[in-house]
Amino acid sequence: MNKSRYQILITGNYRSGTEYFTNLLNCHPLVSSTMYRVNYFRFIYGRYNITADKEIIIKDLADRLFKRYKIKINKKKFLTSLNNNSHGEFYDSIMSNLYLNKNKKIWAEKCQLLWREIPNFMNLMNNPKVIHIIRDPRAVILSFKKETRYKSPAYLGSAFNSVDAMNSIIKHKEMYKKRFTYLRYEDLVKDKDYEMKKIFKFLNIYPITKYNQNNFKDAKNKKWIQNSSFQKKISRPFNYDYIQGNSLWKKKLVFDEINFVETICEKYMNYFRYKRTSKKNMKKNKIQKLIGKKYDLFKAYRNWDKSNHRVGFQRFPANPLDGRTWTR
């Protein structure tokens, strides 16, 4: 079986451009970069005994891969090739078995909302790297508001994800130094070649400058249709005018929505070079009225307030372990 040179976790908030980045990284001849499929830390780690439950793990993985992505694996053959007794080795073996070959030596998996699992990934994997994508939280909330099927005020939860992600980036940047990096989605869209060159240096692999977007794939291995909420959905590069700071969120969000996001993320807006527009934070009673008590938003707000406005949550509006939530 192929042995991986690096194991890469790509994470970030939803609606943050992680799919675009994953496809760019996958263009490198040495890297196989996929989305969601194994998702070890969401579906396996902490749920199974790695020594006693291998057959169950493989059965569940095979069932999920087929149900969600129409991917078939030979469970018996797959199981016999996995001779390891640690979660890190097992995850590496599964990914290597599925996605590496004589040319592809490095695997990367994009899994949204997994920044709190980064310490586990770092501790368990043999040679881990983590790339965290961040996007202006006002653009995220606008995009999620348009795309989500969950009723208001569910979309406001993205602000608590954003503040938590920002806090995580600052912490992990200090903790893991050369094994962790982050990039702003706005920078990636504005100058793809420059930002990817920095990523390749971080991964200690030679740079490339050509990206055939006709070969971009989505999580179901179909032709990737750029996933912007406001551009026409065609397979082409994003228009930077839709991404940069003074574009759509200023026009399409109301003042209270902007003020709410900037209040929740106030500690980190300057650090990540997102300029605030509101001069004062939203008052507590107004926040409480805006978010209501659904989707655990009120609990998240109280935790954020107790943490001196530093910590949010890492959460989807619905349980991602429930197969009924897998279709959009």
Protein backbone atom coordinates (compact mmCIF):
# COMPACT_ATOMS: atom_id res chain seq x y z
CA MET A 1 0.00 0.00 0.00
CA ASN A 2 1.13 3.56 -0.67
CA LYS A 3 2.65 5.50 2.20
CA SER A 4 1.85 9.19 2.50
CA ARG A 5 4.56 11.83 2.75
CA TYR A 6 2.25 14.32 4.44
CA GLN A 7 -1.26 14.21 5.83
CA ILE A 8 -3.11 17.50 5.34
CA LEU A 9 -6.30 18.72 6.97
CA ILE A 10 -8.07 21.62 5.25
CA THR A 11 -10.74 23.26 7.36
CA GLY A 12 -12.73 26.45 7.77
CA ASN A 13 -16.23 27.77 8.21
CA TYR A 14 -18.86 26.88 5.62
CA ARG A 15 -19.23 29.31 2.71
CA SER A 16 -15.54 30.27 3.04
CA GLY A 17 -14.04 29.10 -0.26
CA THR A 18 -12.59 25.83 1.02
CA GLU A 19 -13.85 23.94 -2.06
CA TYR A 20 -12.06 26.29 -4.44
CA PHE A 21 -8.83 25.99 -2.49
CA THR A 22 -9.13 22.19 -2.31
CA ASN A 23 -9.44 21.99 -6.09
CA LEU A 24 -6.45 24.26 -6.58
CA LEU A 25 -4.32 22.11 -4.28
CA ASN A 26 -5.46 18.97 -6.07
CA CYS A 27 -3.89 20.29 -9.28
CA HIS A 28 -0.44 19.61 -7.86
CA PRO A 29 0.99 16.35 -9.27
CA LEU A 30 2.04 15.16 -5.81
CA VAL A 31 -1.20 15.92 -3.96
CA SER A 32 -4.54 14.16 -3.86
CA SER A 33 -6.94 16.63 -2.28
CA THR A 34 -10.50 15.49 -1.53
CA MET A 35 -13.58 16.73 0.29
CA TYR A 36 -15.57 15.33 3.22
CA ARG A 37 -15.48 11.68 2.28
CA VAL A 38 -13.62 9.84 5.02
CA ASN A 39 -14.02 12.73 7.48
CA TYR A 40 -12.39 10.64 10.17
CA PHE A 41 -12.70 13.03 13.08
CA ARG A 42 -16.41 13.54 12.53
CA PHE A 43 -17.56 10.01 11.78
CA ILE A 44 -15.00 7.66 13.35
CA TYR A 45 -12.66 9.14 15.95
CA GLY A 46 -14.16 9.03 19.43
CA ARG A 47 -17.04 6.85 18.28
CA TYR A 48 -15.29 3.51 17.83
CA ASN A 49 -12.64 1.37 19.49
CA ILE A 50 -9.85 1.25 16.94
CA THR A 51 -8.74 -2.26 17.94
CA ALA A 52 -12.10 -3.98 18.35
CA ASP A 53 -14.30 -2.16 15.84
CA LYS A 54 -12.34 -2.21 12.57
CA GLU A 55 -14.91 -4.27 10.72
CA ILE A 56 -17.72 -1.99 11.89
CA ILE A 57 -15.70 1.09 10.93
CA ILE A 58 -15.07 -0.21 7.42
CA LYS A 59 -18.71 -1.28 7.00
CA ASP A 60 -19.97 2.14 8.12
CA LEU A 61 -17.42 3.89 5.90
CA ALA A 62 -18.36 1.77 2.89
CA ASP A 63 -22.08 2.34 3.46
CA ARG A 64 -21.62 6.09 3.83
CA LEU A 65 -19.33 6.39 0.80
CA PHE A 66 -21.86 4.59 -1.34
CA LYS A 67 -24.95 6.32 0.03
CA ARG A 68 -23.50 9.80 -0.18
CA TYR A 69 -21.01 9.63 -3.07
CA LYS A 70 -21.79 6.39 -4.95
CA ILE A 71 -18.26 5.16 -4.22
CA LYS A 72 -17.89 1.38 -3.90
CA ILE A 73 -15.09 -0.28 -1.95
CA ASN A 74 -14.35 -3.96 -1.40
CA LYS A 75 -14.81 -4.14 2.37
CA LYS A 76 -13.00 -7.45 2.85
CA LYS A 77 -10.03 -6.50 0.68
CA PHE A 78 -9.92 -3.06 2.22
CA LEU A 79 -9.92 -4.44 5.76
CA THR A 80 -7.06 -6.87 5.16
CA SER A 81 -4.84 -4.02 3.99
CA LEU A 82 -5.29 -2.07 7.23
CA ASN A 83 -2.87 -3.62 9.69
CA ASN A 84 -2.60 -0.90 12.30
CA ASN A 85 -3.86 -0.17 15.77
CA SER A 86 -3.87 3.58 16.17
CA HIS A 87 -6.36 6.12 14.91
CA GLY A 88 -3.67 8.11 13.13
CA GLU A 89 -2.29 5.10 11.28
CA PHE A 90 -5.78 3.90 10.45
CA TYR A 91 -6.88 7.26 9.03
CA ASP A 92 -3.65 7.54 7.06
CA SER A 93 -4.05 4.00 5.72
CA ILE A 94 -7.63 4.59 4.61
CA MET A 95 -6.79 7.84 2.82
CA SER A 96 -3.62 6.38 1.27
CA ASN A 97 -5.50 3.30 0.11
CA LEU A 98 -8.26 5.37 -1.47
CA TYR A 99 -6.37 8.28 -2.99
CA LEU A 100 -2.61 7.76 -3.35
CA ASN A 101 -0.71 6.08 -6.18
CA LYS A 102 2.79 6.00 -7.60
CA ASN A 103 2.56 9.72 -8.46
CA LYS A 104 0.32 11.10 -5.73
CA LYS A 105 2.32 10.96 -2.48
CA ILE A 106 0.44 13.43 -0.28
CA TRP A 107 -3.21 13.34 0.71
CA ALA A 108 -5.31 16.25 1.86
CA GLU A 109 -8.89 16.19 3.05
CA LYS A 110 -11.14 19.21 3.35
CA CYS A 111 -13.54 18.92 6.27
CA GLN A 112 -15.51 21.98 7.36
CA LEU A 113 -15.85 22.95 11.00
CA LEU A 114 -13.02 20.82 12.36
CA TRP A 115 -10.65 23.42 13.79
CA ARG A 116 -11.28 22.22 17.33
CA GLU A 117 -10.02 18.77 16.27
CA ILE A 118 -6.71 20.17 14.99
CA PRO A 119 -4.80 19.17 18.19
CA ASN A 120 -6.00 15.56 17.75
CA PHE A 121 -4.99 15.59 14.10
CA MET A 122 -1.57 16.98 14.97
CA ASN A 123 -1.00 14.45 17.76
CA LEU A 124 -2.20 11.36 15.90
CA MET A 125 -0.80 11.76 12.40
CA ASN A 126 2.77 10.91 11.43
CA ASN A 127 3.57 14.08 9.47
CA PRO A 128 0.56 16.40 9.72
CA LYS A 129 -0.06 19.78 8.13
CA VAL A 130 -3.14 21.95 8.61
CA ILE A 131 -4.41 24.71 6.33
CA HIS A 132 -7.22 26.86 7.72
CA ILE A 133 -9.19 29.04 5.31
CA ILE A 134 -10.75 32.21 6.72
CA ARG A 135 -13.20 34.57 5.04
CA ASP A 136 -14.74 37.89 6.01
CA PRO A 137 -17.49 36.84 8.47
CA ARG A 138 -19.91 39.35 6.94
CA ALA A 139 -19.51 37.72 3.53
CA VAL A 140 -19.95 34.30 5.13
CA ILE A 141 -23.18 35.25 6.85
CA LEU A 142 -24.58 36.76 3.65
CA SER A 143 -23.71 33.67 1.61
CA PHE A 144 -25.09 31.28 4.22
CA LYS A 145 -28.25 33.33 4.58
CA LYS A 146 -28.93 32.89 0.89
CA GLU A 147 -27.94 29.24 0.63
CA THR A 148 -29.19 27.60 3.83
CA ARG A 149 -32.48 25.73 3.90
CA TYR A 150 -32.86 26.33 7.63
CA LYS A 151 -35.20 29.02 8.82
CA SER A 152 -34.08 32.32 10.31
CA PRO A 153 -32.24 32.98 12.57
CA ALA A 154 -30.13 29.86 11.80
CA TYR A 155 -27.87 31.79 9.41
CA LEU A 156 -26.71 34.05 12.26
CA GLY A 157 -24.87 31.08 13.77
CA SER A 158 -22.13 31.52 11.19
CA ALA A 159 -20.89 34.52 13.21
CA PHE A 160 -20.23 32.26 16.21
CA ASN A 161 -18.40 29.84 13.93
CA SER A 162 -16.33 32.72 12.54
CA VAL A 163 -15.26 34.09 15.90
CA ASP A 164 -14.36 30.60 17.08
CA ALA A 165 -12.38 29.94 13.90
CA MET A 166 -10.48 33.22 14.26
CA ASN A 167 -9.63 32.45 17.87
CA SER A 168 -8.51 28.98 16.81
CA ILE A 169 -6.23 30.31 14.06
CA ILE A 170 -4.39 32.64 16.41
CA LYS A 171 -3.95 29.88 18.97
CA HIS A 172 -2.85 27.19 16.52
CA LYS A 173 -0.53 29.53 14.64
CA GLU A 174 1.43 29.92 17.88
CA MET A 175 1.17 26.27 18.94
CA TYR A 176 2.18 24.54 15.73
CA LYS A 177 4.38 27.05 13.91
CA LYS A 178 5.64 25.24 10.77
CA ARG A 179 2.85 22.64 10.73
CA PHE A 180 -0.04 25.10 10.61
CA THR A 181 -0.91 27.94 8.31
CA TYR A 182 -3.94 29.92 7.28
CA LEU A 183 -4.96 32.08 4.37
CA ARG A 184 -7.68 34.62 3.76
CA TYR A 185 -10.03 33.65 0.99
CA GLU A 186 -10.09 37.22 -0.30
CA ASP A 187 -6.31 37.07 -0.82
CA LEU A 188 -6.56 33.72 -2.60
CA VAL A 189 -9.15 35.01 -5.06
CA LYS A 190 -7.28 38.26 -5.66
CA ASP A 191 -3.87 36.67 -6.32
CA LYS A 192 -4.16 32.90 -6.62
CA ASP A 193 -0.59 32.33 -7.83
CA TYR A 194 1.02 34.27 -5.01
CA GLU A 195 -1.05 32.63 -2.28
CA MET A 196 -0.62 29.11 -3.66
CA LYS A 197 3.11 29.66 -3.94
CA LYS A 198 3.14 30.31 -0.18
CA ILE A 199 1.13 27.13 0.38
CA PHE A 200 3.55 25.05 -1.67
CA LYS A 201 6.45 26.47 0.30
CA PHE A 202 4.62 25.59 3.53
CA LEU A 203 4.20 22.03 2.24
CA ASN A 204 7.82 21.88 1.09
CA ILE A 205 6.86 20.88 -2.46
CA TYR A 206 7.73 22.50 -5.76
CA PRO A 207 5.33 25.22 -6.97
CA ILE A 208 3.04 25.01 -9.97
CA THR A 209 1.49 27.87 -11.89
CA LYS A 210 -1.11 26.17 -14.10
CA TYR A 211 -4.51 25.11 -12.80
CA ASN A 212 -6.87 23.42 -15.22
CA GLN A 213 -10.25 24.35 -13.81
CA ASN A 214 -11.94 22.08 -16.35
CA ASN A 215 -10.67 19.23 -14.17
CA PHE A 216 -12.08 20.61 -10.92
CA LYS A 217 -14.40 18.15 -9.17
CA ASP A 218 -16.99 18.47 -6.45
CA ALA A 219 -17.33 16.12 -3.47
CA LYS A 220 -19.30 13.68 -5.63
CA ASN A 221 -16.54 13.66 -8.27
CA LYS A 222 -18.68 15.55 -10.76
CA LYS A 223 -17.61 18.64 -12.66
CA TRP A 224 -17.19 21.43 -10.14
CA ILE A 225 -19.67 24.24 -10.54
CA GLN A 226 -18.35 27.26 -8.69
CA ASN A 227 -20.33 27.54 -5.53
CA SER A 228 -20.89 31.27 -5.19
CA SER A 229 -24.25 32.36 -3.82
CA PHE A 230 -24.50 35.36 -6.12
CA GLN A 231 -22.57 34.56 -9.28
CA LYS A 232 -24.08 32.47 -12.03
CA LYS A 233 -23.13 28.87 -11.23
CA ILE A 234 -20.70 27.98 -13.96
CA SER A 235 -17.31 26.34 -13.87
CA ARG A 236 -15.03 29.35 -14.00
CA PRO A 237 -12.91 31.42 -11.61
CA PHE A 238 -14.68 33.57 -9.09
CA ASN A 239 -15.12 37.23 -9.88
CA TYR A 240 -13.13 39.15 -7.28
CA ASP A 241 -15.74 41.93 -7.28
CA TYR A 242 -18.10 39.50 -5.56
CA ILE A 243 -15.59 38.66 -2.87
CA GLN A 244 -13.73 41.74 -1.74
CA GLY A 245 -14.59 43.73 1.33
CA ASN A 246 -16.73 46.55 -0.02
CA SER A 247 -18.99 44.52 -2.29
CA LEU A 248 -22.16 42.53 -1.77
CA TRP A 249 -22.43 42.20 2.00
CA LYS A 250 -22.57 45.99 2.31
CA LYS A 251 -25.41 46.13 -0.17
CA LYS A 252 -27.41 43.08 0.81
CA LEU A 253 -27.11 42.87 4.60
CA VAL A 254 -29.11 45.26 6.77
CA PHE A 255 -27.33 47.34 9.39
CA ASP A 256 -28.37 45.10 12.30
CA GLU A 257 -26.92 42.03 10.60
CA ILE A 258 -23.62 43.78 9.92
CA ASN A 259 -23.50 45.23 13.41
CA PHE A 260 -24.24 41.81 14.91
CA VAL A 261 -21.41 40.09 13.02
CA GLU A 262 -18.94 42.87 13.78
CA THR A 263 -19.90 42.76 17.45
CA ILE A 264 -19.50 38.99 17.75
CA CYS A 265 -16.16 39.04 15.88
CA GLU A 266 -14.91 42.35 17.33
CA LYS A 267 -11.79 40.87 18.97
CA TYR A 268 -10.36 39.67 15.69
CA MET A 269 -11.58 41.94 12.90
CA ASN A 270 -8.44 44.06 12.85
CA TYR A 271 -6.10 41.08 13.22
CA PHE A 272 -7.48 39.55 10.03
CA ARG A 273 -7.66 42.91 8.24
CA TYR A 274 -11.44 43.15 8.06
CA LYS A 275 -12.37 46.77 8.56
CA ARG A 276 -15.43 47.44 10.68
CA THR A 277 -18.20 49.70 9.45
CA SER A 278 -20.24 50.04 12.65
CA LYS A 279 -18.79 52.36 15.26
CA LYS A 280 -20.45 50.77 18.29
CA ASN A 281 -21.15 47.20 19.32
CA MET A 282 -24.72 45.98 19.34
CA LYS A 283 -26.34 46.10 22.77
CA LYS A 284 -26.91 42.84 24.60
CA ASN A 285 -30.69 43.06 24.69
CA LYS A 286 -30.79 43.70 20.96
CA ILE A 287 -28.53 40.70 20.26
CA GLN A 288 -30.73 38.47 22.40
CA LYS A 289 -33.84 39.62 20.57
CA LEU A 290 -32.19 39.12 17.17
CA ILE A 291 -30.94 35.57 17.72
CA GLY A 292 -33.87 34.20 19.71
CA LYS A 293 -33.38 30.79 21.33
CA LYS A 294 -33.30 28.38 18.38
CA TYR A 295 -30.36 26.43 16.98
CA ASP A 296 -28.42 26.84 20.28
CA LEU A 297 -27.71 30.45 19.36
CA PHE A 298 -28.65 31.81 22.77
CA LYS A 299 -26.36 29.30 24.50
CA ALA A 300 -23.56 30.24 22.10
CA TYR A 301 -24.14 33.90 22.86
CA ARG A 302 -23.88 33.33 26.62
CA ASN A 303 -20.65 31.34 26.20
CA TRP A 304 -19.25 34.04 23.94
CA ASP A 305 -20.12 36.71 26.51
CA LYS A 306 -18.54 34.73 29.38
CA SER A 307 -15.35 34.18 27.35
CA ASN A 308 -14.78 37.92 27.01
CA HIS A 309 -16.01 37.79 23.42
CA ARG A 310 -13.37 35.29 22.26
CA VAL A 311 -15.09 31.92 21.85
CA GLY A 312 -18.09 30.90 19.75
CA PHE A 313 -18.95 27.42 18.62
CA GLN A 314 -18.13 24.92 15.86
CA ARG A 315 -21.51 23.83 14.62
CA PHE A 316 -23.89 23.30 11.72
CA PRO A 317 -27.55 24.18 12.18
CA ALA A 318 -28.34 20.43 11.93
CA ASN A 319 -26.54 17.27 13.01
CA PRO A 320 -24.06 16.28 10.24
CA LEU A 321 -24.07 12.67 11.51
CA ASP A 322 -27.71 12.37 10.47
CA GLY A 323 -27.85 11.09 6.89
CA ARG A 324 -31.01 13.05 6.27
CA THR A 325 -28.95 16.27 6.38
CA TRP A 326 -26.53 15.19 3.63
CA THR A 327 -28.59 16.43 0.70
CA ARG A 328 -28.92 20.14 0.05
